Amino acid sequence: MMYHTVGQARVCAALAMLLMLCGAVPATTAQQQEAPAKGEDRVISVPSFELVFDREVQTEPFSGRVLIVVSRGGGRPAWVELSNWFSSSYILGVDVKGAFPGEPVLVSPMDDESILTFPGPLSELEPGRYWVQAVVRRSRKHPAPGHGAGDLLSRAVKVSINEPPPIDPDTGKPAVDRGPTELRLAQVVEEEGFRETERVKEVRFVSTLLSQFHHREMEMKATVILPAGWSAEGTKRYPVLYFIPGFGGTHHTGRMMFQYMKQMPGGTLMDQLIFVVLDPTCYYGHSVFADSDNNGPWGKALVTELIPHIEETYHGTMSGDSRFVTGVSSGGWSSLWLQITYPDSFAGCWAHVPDPVDFRQTQQVDIYAPNANMFRDAEGNRIATARQGEQVMLWCDDFVHREAVIGAGGQMGSLEATFGTKGRNGEPMPLFDRKTGAIDPAVAEQWQRYDIRMILEKQWETLGPKLGGKLHVFAGGGDNFFLNGAVALLKESLAELGSDAQVEVIEGMPHMMYVESVEPMLRAVVGEDGEEGG
């Protein structure tokens, strides 16, 4: 695959589109993509703001983080900017305590050192006109601020920042600053709708296991796309293929993934099976359907509760012999984890560009190494976390600092919530120091419970016979997030164990589904006698 040097904005846009298909950058609905309602055009040289929680939408005092997004993005909504890892927007994180509805909270970024900012203070902004919008995450069901039902938004206000005030035509003197810009949090985010058809159904299932863990009602969601000719009154049972999106993806990507896969070689075989796209989102990010000290028993809930419900309702075979799982990125890791954790419940997994499957290559870092550091290598060089060809797109320290400003729900925090234990404060134990990048060896040791390569090596005598012919793992040699190194180590380990697993690192392939594996997968799902055609 050839790579060409282009402008960074175009590279970021192209990469964002590619990653949206994998779930790495959350897709937005058509409603969300509309430009926000425009407020007044303000001119301020030293920016300050007043946050106001509208009494109509917030009836009790609010304590928590308010995000203020400052961008030149053509009026793109703030939640789009927050979810885009490659966005150049400035973000302010303001922690408020006991903010009464209707009463303004003054935010002075130039004077208040407690305000978190990324990539730097607003004083570093080039003089110009910017969109400013506030976002509050109230939802405990969705990790991305501004996406969850009940989250709050202000109108977007266009302001001029770090520019001298205009001249008053009447006095010939600089115009008097009219004070802070009000950001009134009055818009409530509604839950994304779902349109069912004869073949496309939404599943919303209350999990007893997850509800007991979290002490509140917990739903699991999925999109089910039925085979051609399926009938509720029919007696035929169908094989089931479960798809798990990457970070930021939800079951709402079901239709898109179905059409995407149907256009691939062998894609018409999709009409002969039940295709289920699972929603992996949880408060801390992506559940990866692993039982976790912080997220709860997502794996057990899936296998013992949701899957039986789906297959009983929609005529699946109810058998692990004809149940398969696949996924991309975090979903690729999930599919491999489910296969090795519940080897009798799935007949095969196809894991595409998975998150680190060997923590000796957590992207580019061996977390078990002495004096390991997430930000700097042994020579003191910065460590990249994303690339496009040879061009670095994100540095790990920048990526982590941005996530720290936004708060819980980011990719790095999601890994810590899954693989680590709870800290004394009830939050996931951090793997590394957020200022220095220094890795905590005790926390790294905790992560061994989820190190797929290590688990396979330790339990191969038991797992090996159950996994014959079931493991298919693919990575791109040009993976945008450096995930190919861990897959290469897994390939070496499985070869030494004598496994028949198909593990491939495809030269030049970026962070995407390996297209050539789709037809063999679909033929395995429907059986060797599966035939393409209407």
Protein backbone atom coordinates (compact mmCIF):
# COMPACT_ATOMS: atom_id res chain seq x y z
CA MET A 1 0.00 0.00 0.00
CA MET A 2 1.40 3.37 -1.00
CA TYR A 3 1.30 6.40 1.27
CA HIS A 4 1.58 9.97 0.03
CA THR A 5 2.53 13.09 1.95
CA VAL A 6 -0.45 15.43 2.17
CA GLY A 7 -1.50 18.29 4.39
CA GLN A 8 -2.00 17.31 8.03
CA ALA A 9 -5.66 18.38 8.02
CA ARG A 10 -6.39 16.10 5.06
CA VAL A 11 -4.46 13.24 6.66
CA CYS A 12 -6.43 13.64 9.90
CA ALA A 13 -9.72 13.72 8.03
CA ALA A 14 -8.91 10.61 6.01
CA LEU A 15 -7.71 8.75 9.10
CA ALA A 16 -10.80 9.79 11.06
CA MET A 17 -13.06 8.38 8.33
CA LEU A 18 -11.13 5.10 8.29
CA LEU A 19 -11.28 4.79 12.07
CA MET A 20 -14.99 5.61 12.19
CA LEU A 21 -15.67 2.37 10.31
CA CYS A 22 -13.66 0.55 13.01
CA GLY A 23 -15.40 2.39 15.82
CA ALA A 24 -12.21 4.14 16.95
CA VAL A 25 -13.76 7.56 16.35
CA PRO A 26 -17.46 7.66 17.27
CA ALA A 27 -19.86 8.28 14.41
CA THR A 28 -22.50 10.95 14.91
CA THR A 29 -26.10 10.96 13.88
CA ALA A 30 -27.38 13.29 11.18
CA GLN A 31 -29.05 15.33 13.91
CA GLN A 32 -25.78 15.66 15.80
CA GLN A 33 -23.87 16.72 12.70
CA GLU A 34 -25.95 19.85 12.27
CA ALA A 35 -24.21 23.08 13.20
CA PRO A 36 -25.19 24.30 16.68
CA ALA A 37 -27.56 27.17 17.17
CA LYS A 38 -25.57 30.36 16.79
CA GLY A 39 -25.40 32.80 19.66
CA GLU A 40 -24.24 36.40 19.57
CA ASP A 41 -20.89 37.41 18.12
CA ARG A 42 -18.70 38.59 21.02
CA VAL A 43 -15.35 40.40 21.07
CA ILE A 44 -13.18 39.66 24.12
CA SER A 45 -9.44 40.09 24.50
CA VAL A 46 -9.05 38.17 27.78
CA PRO A 47 -11.62 35.37 27.61
CA SER A 48 -13.81 34.63 30.61
CA PHE A 49 -17.15 32.87 30.77
CA GLU A 50 -20.22 32.50 32.94
CA LEU A 51 -21.66 29.02 33.18
CA VAL A 52 -25.37 28.94 33.93
CA PHE A 53 -27.38 25.75 34.47
CA ASP A 54 -30.84 26.54 33.18
CA ARG A 55 -33.52 25.89 35.80
CA GLU A 56 -35.70 24.14 33.23
CA VAL A 57 -33.19 21.31 32.75
CA GLN A 58 -31.25 21.21 36.04
CA THR A 59 -33.34 21.30 39.19
CA GLU A 60 -30.67 20.46 41.77
CA PRO A 61 -27.18 21.87 42.48
CA PHE A 62 -24.62 20.36 40.11
CA SER A 63 -21.20 19.06 41.05
CA GLY A 64 -18.89 17.73 38.38
CA ARG A 65 -16.85 18.67 35.34
CA VAL A 66 -17.96 21.15 32.72
CA LEU A 67 -16.11 21.10 29.41
CA ILE A 68 -15.69 24.25 27.34
CA VAL A 69 -14.64 23.64 23.74
CA VAL A 70 -12.99 26.42 21.75
CA SER A 71 -12.62 25.73 18.05
CA ARG A 72 -12.49 27.16 14.58
CA GLY A 73 -14.24 24.10 13.19
CA GLY A 74 -16.88 25.82 11.12
CA GLY A 75 -19.42 25.64 13.91
CA ARG A 76 -19.09 21.85 14.43
CA PRO A 77 -20.82 20.81 17.67
CA ALA A 78 -18.55 20.50 20.68
CA TRP A 79 -19.33 16.82 21.24
CA VAL A 80 -18.00 16.05 17.77
CA GLU A 81 -14.76 17.84 18.60
CA LEU A 82 -14.45 16.04 21.95
CA SER A 83 -14.86 12.61 20.35
CA ASN A 84 -12.32 13.28 17.62
CA TRP A 85 -8.85 12.38 18.88
CA PHE A 86 -7.31 14.36 16.00
CA SER A 87 -9.22 17.58 16.63
CA SER A 88 -7.20 20.77 17.04
CA SER A 89 -9.79 22.34 19.35
CA TYR A 90 -8.82 23.77 22.71
CA ILE A 91 -10.59 22.16 25.68
CA LEU A 92 -11.12 23.55 29.17
CA GLY A 93 -12.08 21.27 32.05
CA VAL A 94 -13.81 23.14 34.86
CA ASP A 95 -14.72 21.30 38.07
CA VAL A 96 -17.70 22.94 39.76
CA LYS A 97 -19.20 22.07 43.12
CA GLY A 98 -22.75 22.76 44.18
CA ALA A 99 -23.59 25.05 41.26
CA PHE A 100 -27.16 26.23 41.83
CA PRO A 101 -29.50 26.31 38.82
CA GLY A 102 -29.83 29.81 37.40
CA GLU A 103 -26.82 31.21 39.27
CA PRO A 104 -23.75 32.02 37.16
CA VAL A 105 -20.40 30.35 37.79
CA LEU A 106 -17.52 32.58 36.70
CA VAL A 107 -14.76 30.87 34.72
CA SER A 108 -11.58 32.90 34.29
CA PRO A 109 -9.02 30.74 32.46
CA MET A 110 -6.37 33.44 32.65
CA ASP A 111 -6.57 33.67 36.46
CA ASP A 112 -7.70 30.27 37.76
CA GLU A 113 -4.90 27.68 37.81
CA SER A 114 -7.33 24.91 38.82
CA ILE A 115 -8.86 24.94 35.32
CA LEU A 116 -7.48 22.12 33.17
CA THR A 117 -6.64 22.99 29.57
CA PHE A 118 -5.50 21.19 26.46
CA PRO A 119 -3.32 21.61 24.47
CA GLY A 120 -2.41 24.72 26.47
CA PRO A 121 -3.81 27.94 27.96
CA LEU A 122 -6.12 30.11 25.88
CA SER A 123 -3.48 32.81 25.89
CA GLU A 124 -1.60 30.65 23.36
CA LEU A 125 -4.43 30.81 20.86
CA GLU A 126 -3.74 32.74 17.69
CA PRO A 127 -5.80 35.93 17.60
CA GLY A 128 -9.04 35.30 15.80
CA ARG A 129 -12.69 34.34 15.97
CA TYR A 130 -13.67 31.05 17.60
CA TRP A 131 -16.73 28.99 18.43
CA VAL A 132 -17.20 28.36 22.15
CA GLN A 133 -19.61 25.78 23.56
CA ALA A 134 -20.04 24.09 26.96
CA VAL A 135 -20.81 20.40 27.50
CA VAL A 136 -21.76 18.54 30.68
CA ARG A 137 -21.78 14.78 30.95
CA ARG A 138 -24.61 13.59 33.19
CA SER A 139 -25.17 10.17 31.64
CA ARG A 140 -23.67 7.14 33.37
CA LYS A 141 -24.48 4.96 30.38
CA HIS A 142 -22.42 6.61 27.63
CA PRO A 143 -18.71 7.42 27.92
CA ALA A 144 -18.55 10.31 25.44
CA PRO A 145 -19.58 13.77 26.76
CA GLY A 146 -22.50 15.19 24.82
CA HIS A 147 -23.56 11.81 23.41
CA GLY A 148 -25.43 10.31 26.36
CA ALA A 149 -29.09 10.90 27.02
CA GLY A 150 -29.44 13.64 29.63
CA ASP A 151 -26.12 15.37 28.91
CA LEU A 152 -26.29 19.15 28.73
CA LEU A 153 -25.14 21.59 26.04
CA SER A 154 -24.99 25.32 25.70
CA ARG A 155 -25.50 27.22 22.47
CA ALA A 156 -22.33 27.81 20.51
CA VAL A 157 -21.19 31.42 20.79
CA LYS A 158 -18.76 32.94 18.32
CA VAL A 159 -16.18 35.12 20.01
CA SER A 160 -13.04 36.98 19.08
CA ILE A 161 -10.16 35.90 21.34
CA ASN A 162 -6.78 37.53 21.97
CA GLU A 163 -7.58 40.37 19.62
CA PRO A 164 -7.62 44.03 20.61
CA PRO A 165 -11.14 45.33 21.17
CA PRO A 166 -12.75 47.19 18.28
CA ILE A 167 -12.77 50.96 18.18
CA ASP A 168 -16.03 52.62 19.27
CA PRO A 169 -17.02 54.85 16.31
CA ASP A 170 -18.62 57.41 18.63
CA THR A 171 -15.67 57.89 21.00
CA GLY A 172 -12.76 56.78 18.84
CA LYS A 173 -11.59 54.69 21.79
CA PRO A 174 -11.49 50.91 22.33
CA ALA A 175 -14.95 49.56 23.04
CA VAL A 176 -15.71 48.69 26.64
CA ASP A 177 -15.61 44.96 27.37
CA ARG A 178 -19.14 43.85 28.21
CA GLY A 179 -17.96 41.21 30.67
CA PRO A 180 -17.91 37.42 30.62
CA THR A 181 -19.59 35.46 27.83
CA GLU A 182 -22.58 33.50 29.11
CA LEU A 183 -22.70 29.80 28.33
CA ARG A 184 -26.19 28.70 29.37
CA LEU A 185 -26.57 24.95 29.66
CA ALA A 186 -30.16 24.63 28.48
CA GLN A 187 -30.17 21.90 25.83
CA VAL A 188 -30.68 18.28 26.93
CA VAL A 189 -29.28 15.53 24.73
CA GLU A 190 -31.95 13.02 23.76
CA GLU A 191 -31.36 9.33 23.33
CA GLU A 192 -30.51 8.33 19.79
CA GLY A 193 -33.52 6.77 18.08
CA PHE A 194 -33.61 3.41 16.36
CA ARG A 195 -35.65 2.63 13.26
CA GLU A 196 -36.66 -1.01 13.02
CA THR A 197 -37.59 -2.73 9.78
CA GLU A 198 -38.77 -6.22 8.84
CA ARG A 199 -35.18 -7.50 9.05
CA VAL A 200 -33.50 -5.02 11.40
CA LYS A 201 -34.39 -5.19 15.10
CA GLU A 202 -33.11 -3.50 18.24
CA VAL A 203 -32.57 -5.52 21.39
CA ARG A 204 -32.63 -3.82 24.80
CA PHE A 205 -32.10 -6.33 27.56
CA VAL A 206 -31.90 -5.65 31.30
CA SER A 207 -29.01 -7.68 32.69
CA THR A 208 -29.51 -9.12 36.16
CA LEU A 209 -25.78 -9.67 36.61
CA LEU A 210 -24.76 -6.12 35.65
CA SER A 211 -27.67 -4.56 37.54
CA GLN A 212 -26.67 -6.38 40.71
CA PHE A 213 -23.05 -5.29 40.30
CA HIS A 214 -23.87 -1.60 39.75
CA HIS A 215 -26.93 -1.47 42.06
CA ARG A 216 -29.03 0.09 39.32
CA GLU A 217 -30.79 -1.09 36.20
CA MET A 218 -28.25 -1.89 33.48
CA GLU A 219 -29.25 -2.45 29.87
CA MET A 220 -27.35 -4.36 27.21
CA LYS A 221 -28.14 -3.38 23.62
CA ALA A 222 -27.67 -4.90 20.19
CA THR A 223 -28.78 -4.60 16.58
CA VAL A 224 -30.03 -7.85 15.06
CA ILE A 225 -30.18 -8.19 11.27
CA LEU A 226 -32.21 -11.23 10.28
CA PRO A 227 -31.60 -13.58 7.34
CA ALA A 228 -33.50 -13.21 4.10
CA GLY A 229 -36.76 -15.10 4.35
CA TRP A 230 -36.76 -15.16 8.15
CA SER A 231 -40.21 -15.64 9.71
CA ALA A 232 -41.28 -15.31 13.30
CA GLU A 233 -43.51 -18.33 12.78
CA GLY A 234 -40.81 -20.39 11.09
CA THR A 235 -39.03 -23.32 12.70
CA LYS A 236 -35.67 -22.98 10.95
CA ARG A 237 -32.67 -22.23 13.16
CA TYR A 238 -29.80 -20.05 11.89
CA PRO A 239 -26.08 -19.68 12.66
CA VAL A 240 -25.19 -16.39 14.37
CA LEU A 241 -22.28 -14.04 13.76
CA TYR A 242 -21.62 -11.50 16.53
CA PHE A 243 -19.76 -8.30 15.61
CA ILE A 244 -18.16 -6.03 18.24
CA PRO A 245 -17.34 -2.44 17.22
CA GLY A 246 -14.18 -0.65 18.23
CA PHE A 247 -13.82 2.13 20.80
CA GLY A 248 -16.64 4.65 20.44
CA GLY A 249 -18.77 2.33 18.29
CA THR A 250 -22.26 1.27 19.32
CA HIS A 251 -24.94 -1.07 18.02
CA HIS A 252 -26.20 1.84 15.93
CA THR A 253 -23.41 1.04 13.45
CA GLY A 254 -25.18 -2.27 12.67
CA ARG A 255 -26.73 -1.30 9.35
CA MET A 256 -23.51 0.30 8.14
CA MET A 257 -21.43 -2.77 9.04
CA PHE A 258 -23.92 -5.12 7.41
CA GLN A 259 -23.81 -3.19 4.14
CA TYR A 260 -20.02 -2.81 4.35
CA MET A 261 -19.51 -6.55 4.75
CA LYS A 262 -22.15 -7.43 2.18
CA GLN A 263 -20.18 -5.54 -0.48
CA MET A 264 -17.09 -7.67 0.15
CA PRO A 265 -16.31 -10.90 -1.71
CA GLY A 266 -18.72 -13.53 -0.43
CA GLY A 267 -20.85 -10.81 1.14
CA THR A 268 -24.17 -12.19 -0.07
CA LEU A 269 -23.70 -15.02 2.41
CA MET A 270 -24.68 -12.45 5.04
CA ASP A 271 -28.29 -13.15 4.03
CA GLN A 272 -28.00 -16.72 5.31
CA LEU A 273 -27.13 -15.92 8.92
CA ILE A 274 -28.21 -13.81 11.87
CA PHE A 275 -25.88 -10.82 12.17
CA VAL A 276 -25.71 -9.23 15.62
CA VAL A 277 -23.85 -5.99 16.34
CA LEU A 278 -23.29 -5.61 20.06
CA ASP A 279 -23.08 -2.35 21.98
CA PRO A 280 -19.90 -2.47 24.09
CA THR A 281 -20.15 1.00 25.62
CA CYS A 282 -20.05 1.52 29.37
CA TYR A 283 -19.33 4.40 31.73
CA TYR A 284 -15.55 4.05 31.50
CA GLY A 285 -15.46 3.49 27.74
CA HIS A 286 -15.47 0.06 26.06
CA SER A 287 -16.41 -2.97 28.15
CA VAL A 288 -14.55 -5.37 25.78
CA PHE A 289 -17.02 -7.95 27.22
CA ALA A 290 -14.56 -8.95 29.90
CA ASP A 291 -15.51 -9.43 33.53
CA SER A 292 -13.90 -6.51 35.33
CA ASP A 293 -13.46 -5.21 38.87
CA ASN A 294 -14.62 -1.77 37.69
CA ASN A 295 -17.05 -2.40 34.84
CA GLY A 296 -18.68 -5.55 36.16
CA PRO A 297 -19.34 -9.00 34.63
CA TRP A 298 -19.85 -7.97 31.00
CA GLY A 299 -18.51 -11.24 29.60
CA LYS A 300 -20.63 -13.49 31.77
CA ALA A 301 -23.70 -11.30 31.18
CA LEU A 302 -23.20 -11.57 27.42
CA VAL A 303 -22.71 -15.33 27.30
CA THR A 304 -25.26 -16.39 29.92
CA GLU A 305 -27.94 -13.71 29.54
CA LEU A 306 -27.93 -11.66 26.32
CA ILE A 307 -26.89 -14.33 23.83
CA PRO A 308 -29.51 -16.88 25.00
CA HIS A 309 -32.16 -14.14 24.85
CA ILE A 310 -31.22 -13.09 21.31
CA GLU A 311 -30.97 -16.62 19.93
CA GLU A 312 -34.18 -17.80 21.55
CA THR A 313 -36.06 -14.75 20.28
CA TYR A 314 -34.70 -14.76 16.73
CA HIS A 315 -34.23 -18.48 16.06
CA GLY A 316 -30.50 -18.88 16.53
CA THR A 317 -29.24 -22.42 16.90
CA MET A 318 -28.59 -21.96 20.65
CA SER A 319 -25.35 -23.88 20.13
CA GLY A 320 -21.71 -22.88 20.42
CA ASP A 321 -21.02 -25.04 17.37
CA SER A 322 -22.69 -22.49 15.09
CA ARG A 323 -21.98 -19.26 16.96
CA PHE A 324 -19.09 -17.04 15.82
CA VAL A 325 -17.62 -13.73 16.91
CA THR A 326 -15.64 -11.02 15.15
CA GLY A 327 -14.66 -7.44 15.77
CA VAL A 328 -12.30 -4.59 14.97
CA SER A 329 -9.82 -2.74 17.22
CA SER A 330 -11.15 -2.91 20.80
CA GLY A 331 -13.84 -5.16 19.33
CA GLY A 332 -11.09 -7.33 17.84
CA TRP A 333 -9.59 -7.77 21.30
CA SER A 334 -13.07 -8.51 22.65
CA SER A 335 -13.72 -11.26 20.12
CA LEU A 336 -10.42 -12.98 20.87
CA TRP A 337 -10.99 -12.65 24.62
CA LEU A 338 -14.47 -14.18 24.37
CA GLN A 339 -13.16 -17.09 22.32
CA ILE A 340 -10.39 -18.03 24.78
CA THR A 341 -12.49 -17.32 27.89
CA TYR A 342 -15.56 -19.23 26.69
CA PRO A 343 -13.99 -21.70 24.24
CA ASP A 344 -17.06 -23.94 24.10
CA SER A 345 -19.48 -21.07 23.52
CA PHE A 346 -18.03 -19.97 20.16
CA ALA A 347 -16.99 -21.97 17.12
CA GLY A 348 -14.49 -19.40 15.88
CA CYS A 349 -13.29 -15.82 16.18
CA TRP A 350 -11.90 -13.41 13.59
CA ALA A 351 -10.09 -10.67 15.48
CA HIS A 352 -9.08 -7.67 13.36
CA VAL A 353 -6.37 -5.19 14.45
CA PRO A 354 -7.02 -5.95 18.14
CA ASP A 355 -5.97 -3.85 21.10
CA PRO A 356 -2.75 -5.16 22.69
CA VAL A 357 -2.88 -8.96 22.93
CA ASP A 358 0.57 -9.05 24.56
CA PHE A 359 1.32 -6.34 27.09
CA ARG A 360 5.01 -6.47 26.26
CA GLN A 361 3.86 -4.38 23.30
CA THR A 362 1.17 -2.11 24.69
CA GLN A 363 1.33 -0.14 21.49
CA GLN A 364 5.09 0.48 21.75
CA VAL A 365 5.65 -0.05 25.48
CA ASP A 366 6.60 -3.17 27.46
CA ILE A 367 4.66 -2.43 30.65
CA TYR A 368 6.52 -5.21 32.52
CA ALA A 369 9.99 -3.82 31.82
CA PRO A 370 11.99 -2.19 34.65
CA ASN A 371 11.45 1.60 34.74
CA ALA A 372 8.85 1.34 31.99
CA ASN A 373 7.35 4.64 30.88
CA MET A 374 4.36 5.38 28.64
CA PHE A 375 5.67 8.74 27.41
CA ARG A 376 9.39 8.21 26.84
CA ASP A 377 11.49 5.32 25.62
CA ALA A 378 14.79 4.24 27.24
CA GLU A 379 16.66 6.93 25.29
CA GLY A 380 14.26 9.64 26.41
CA ASN A 381 12.49 10.02 23.07
CA ARG A 382 8.76 10.76 22.97
CA ILE A 383 6.57 7.75 22.19
CA ALA A 384 3.96 8.10 19.45
CA THR A 385 0.49 6.61 19.87
CA ALA A 386 -0.89 7.18 16.35
CA ARG A 387 0.60 7.47 12.89
CA GLN A 388 -0.30 7.68 9.22
CA GLY A 389 2.44 5.96 7.32
CA GLU A 390 5.66 7.49 8.63
CA GLN A 391 3.96 10.63 9.91
CA VAL A 392 3.25 10.87 13.66
CA MET A 393 -0.35 11.92 14.24
CA LEU A 394 -0.51 11.74 18.04
CA TRP A 395 2.07 11.59 20.82
CA CYS A 396 1.17 9.47 23.82
CA ASP A 397 1.71 12.25 26.39
CA ASP A 398 -0.54 14.63 24.44
CA PHE A 399 -3.18 11.93 23.96
CA VAL A 400 -3.22 11.18 27.70
CA HIS A 401 -3.26 14.84 28.77
CA ARG A 402 -6.22 15.55 26.50
CA GLU A 403 -8.06 12.58 27.95
CA ALA A 404 -7.32 13.78 31.50
CA VAL A 405 -8.99 17.11 30.74
CA ILE A 406 -12.11 15.47 29.29
CA GLY A 407 -12.43 13.00 32.19
CA ALA A 408 -13.55 9.39 32.54
CA GLY A 409 -14.56 7.58 29.36
CA GLY A 410 -11.40 7.86 27.26
CA GLN A 411 -9.43 5.07 25.60
CA MET A 412 -6.54 4.88 28.08
CA GLY A 413 -8.83 5.10 31.08
CA SER A 414 -11.01 2.42 29.53
CA LEU A 415 -8.09 -0.01 29.43
CA GLU A 416 -7.29 0.76 33.05
CA ALA A 417 -10.91 0.21 34.08
CA THR A 418 -10.94 -3.20 32.42
CA PHE A 419 -7.51 -4.56 33.26
CA GLY A 420 -6.86 -2.98 36.67
CA THR A 421 -8.48 -3.12 40.09
CA LYS A 422 -10.31 -0.45 42.05
CA GLY A 423 -8.28 2.09 43.94
CA ARG A 424 -9.04 3.33 47.44
CA ASN A 425 -11.07 6.18 45.93
CA GLY A 426 -13.31 3.69 44.13
CA GLU A 427 -11.86 4.61 40.73
CA PRO A 428 -9.71 2.36 38.49
CA MET A 429 -6.06 2.10 39.49
CA PRO A 430 -3.96 4.14 37.01
CA LEU A 431 -1.29 2.15 35.20
CA PHE A 432 1.05 5.14 35.05
CA ASP A 433 1.67 8.60 36.43
CA ARG A 434 -0.24 11.11 34.32
CA LYS A 435 2.49 13.74 34.62
CA THR A 436 5.65 11.69 34.14
CA GLY A 437 4.39 8.56 32.33
CA ALA A 438 6.15 6.28 34.86
CA ILE A 439 4.42 2.88 35.00
CA ASP A 440 3.45 1.40 38.38
CA PRO A 441 4.86 -2.19 38.41
CA ALA A 442 2.20 -3.36 40.89
CA VAL A 443 -0.60 -2.26 38.56
CA ALA A 444 1.18 -3.76 35.55
CA GLU A 445 1.20 -7.06 37.42
CA GLN A 446 -2.57 -6.78 37.90
CA TRP A 447 -2.95 -6.48 34.14
CA GLN A 448 -1.51 -9.99 33.65
CA ARG A 449 -5.01 -11.37 34.26
CA TYR A 450 -5.93 -10.01 30.83
CA ASP A 451 -2.69 -10.57 28.92
CA ILE A 452 -4.01 -12.88 26.19
CA ARG A 453 -0.60 -14.22 25.16
CA MET A 454 0.31 -14.98 28.76
CA ILE A 455 -3.04 -16.68 29.47
CA LEU A 456 -2.70 -18.92 26.42
CA GLU A 457 0.81 -19.93 27.40
CA LYS A 458 -0.13 -20.73 30.99
CA GLN A 459 -3.37 -22.57 30.15
CA TRP A 460 -2.48 -24.12 26.80
CA GLU A 461 -2.73 -27.68 28.04
CA THR A 462 -6.42 -27.06 28.78
CA LEU A 463 -7.26 -24.45 26.16
CA GLY A 464 -5.28 -25.83 23.22
CA PRO A 465 -7.59 -28.78 22.42
CA LYS A 466 -10.66 -26.53 22.67
CA LEU A 467 -9.30 -23.82 20.35
CA GLY A 468 -8.27 -25.95 17.38
CA GLY A 469 -9.22 -24.20 14.15
CA LYS A 470 -10.97 -21.38 15.99
CA LEU A 471 -8.40 -18.56 16.19
CA HIS A 472 -7.98 -16.06 13.35
CA VAL A 473 -6.11 -12.85 14.20
CA PHE A 474 -5.12 -10.10 11.77
CA ALA A 475 -3.05 -6.95 12.16
CA GLY A 476 -1.77 -4.38 9.68
CA GLY A 477 1.95 -3.82 9.31
CA GLY A 478 1.10 -0.12 9.08
CA ASP A 479 -1.42 -0.14 11.92
CA ASN A 480 -2.23 3.46 12.82
CA PHE A 481 -1.98 2.70 16.55
CA PHE A 482 1.11 0.44 16.51
CA LEU A 483 -0.96 -2.64 17.42
CA ASN A 484 0.90 -4.92 15.02
CA GLY A 485 3.82 -5.51 17.40
CA ALA A 486 1.70 -7.36 19.97
CA VAL A 487 0.09 -9.52 17.28
CA ALA A 488 3.54 -10.45 15.96
CA LEU A 489 4.54 -11.60 19.47
CA LEU A 490 1.32 -13.60 19.78
CA LYS A 491 2.05 -15.26 16.45
CA GLU A 492 5.48 -16.35 17.71
CA SER A 493 4.05 -17.67 20.97
CA LEU A 494 1.26 -19.68 19.35
CA ALA A 495 3.68 -21.19 16.86
CA GLU A 496 5.91 -22.36 19.72
CA LEU A 497 2.86 -23.88 21.40
CA GLY A 498 2.05 -25.84 18.24
CA SER A 499 -1.24 -24.03 17.64
CA ASP A 500 -2.96 -24.11 14.25
CA ALA A 501 -4.13 -20.51 14.80
CA GLN A 502 -4.17 -18.22 11.78
CA VAL A 503 -2.26 -15.11 12.88
CA GLU A 504 -1.19 -12.70 10.16
CA VAL A 505 0.45 -9.28 10.02
CA ILE A 506 -0.46 -7.89 6.61
CA GLU A 507 2.25 -5.70 5.15
CA GLY A 508 1.24 -2.07 4.71
CA MET A 509 -2.33 -2.52 6.00
CA PRO A 510 -3.54 0.29 8.30
CA HIS A 511 -6.02 0.00 11.20
CA MET A 512 -8.91 -1.71 9.43
CA MET A 513 -10.72 -4.98 8.84
CA TYR A 514 -8.74 -7.47 6.76
CA VAL A 515 -11.07 -7.74 3.78
CA GLU A 516 -9.65 -10.99 2.39
CA SER A 517 -10.63 -12.85 5.56
CA VAL A 518 -14.33 -12.04 5.32
CA GLU A 519 -15.38 -14.62 2.72
CA PRO A 520 -13.64 -17.56 4.48
CA MET A 521 -15.26 -16.41 7.73
CA LEU A 522 -18.75 -16.23 6.21
CA ARG A 523 -18.33 -19.66 4.61
CA ALA A 524 -17.35 -21.07 7.99
CA VAL A 525 -20.41 -19.47 9.60
CA VAL A 526 -22.98 -20.76 7.08
CA GLY A 527 -21.17 -24.08 6.51
CA GLU A 528 -19.07 -25.31 3.60
CA ASP A 529 -22.22 -25.79 1.52
CA GLY A 530 -23.11 -22.13 1.79
CA GLU A 531 -23.70 -20.69 -1.69
CA GLU A 532 -23.53 -17.12 -2.84
CA GLY A 533 -26.62 -15.72 -4.43
CA GLY A 534 -29.85 -13.95 -3.68
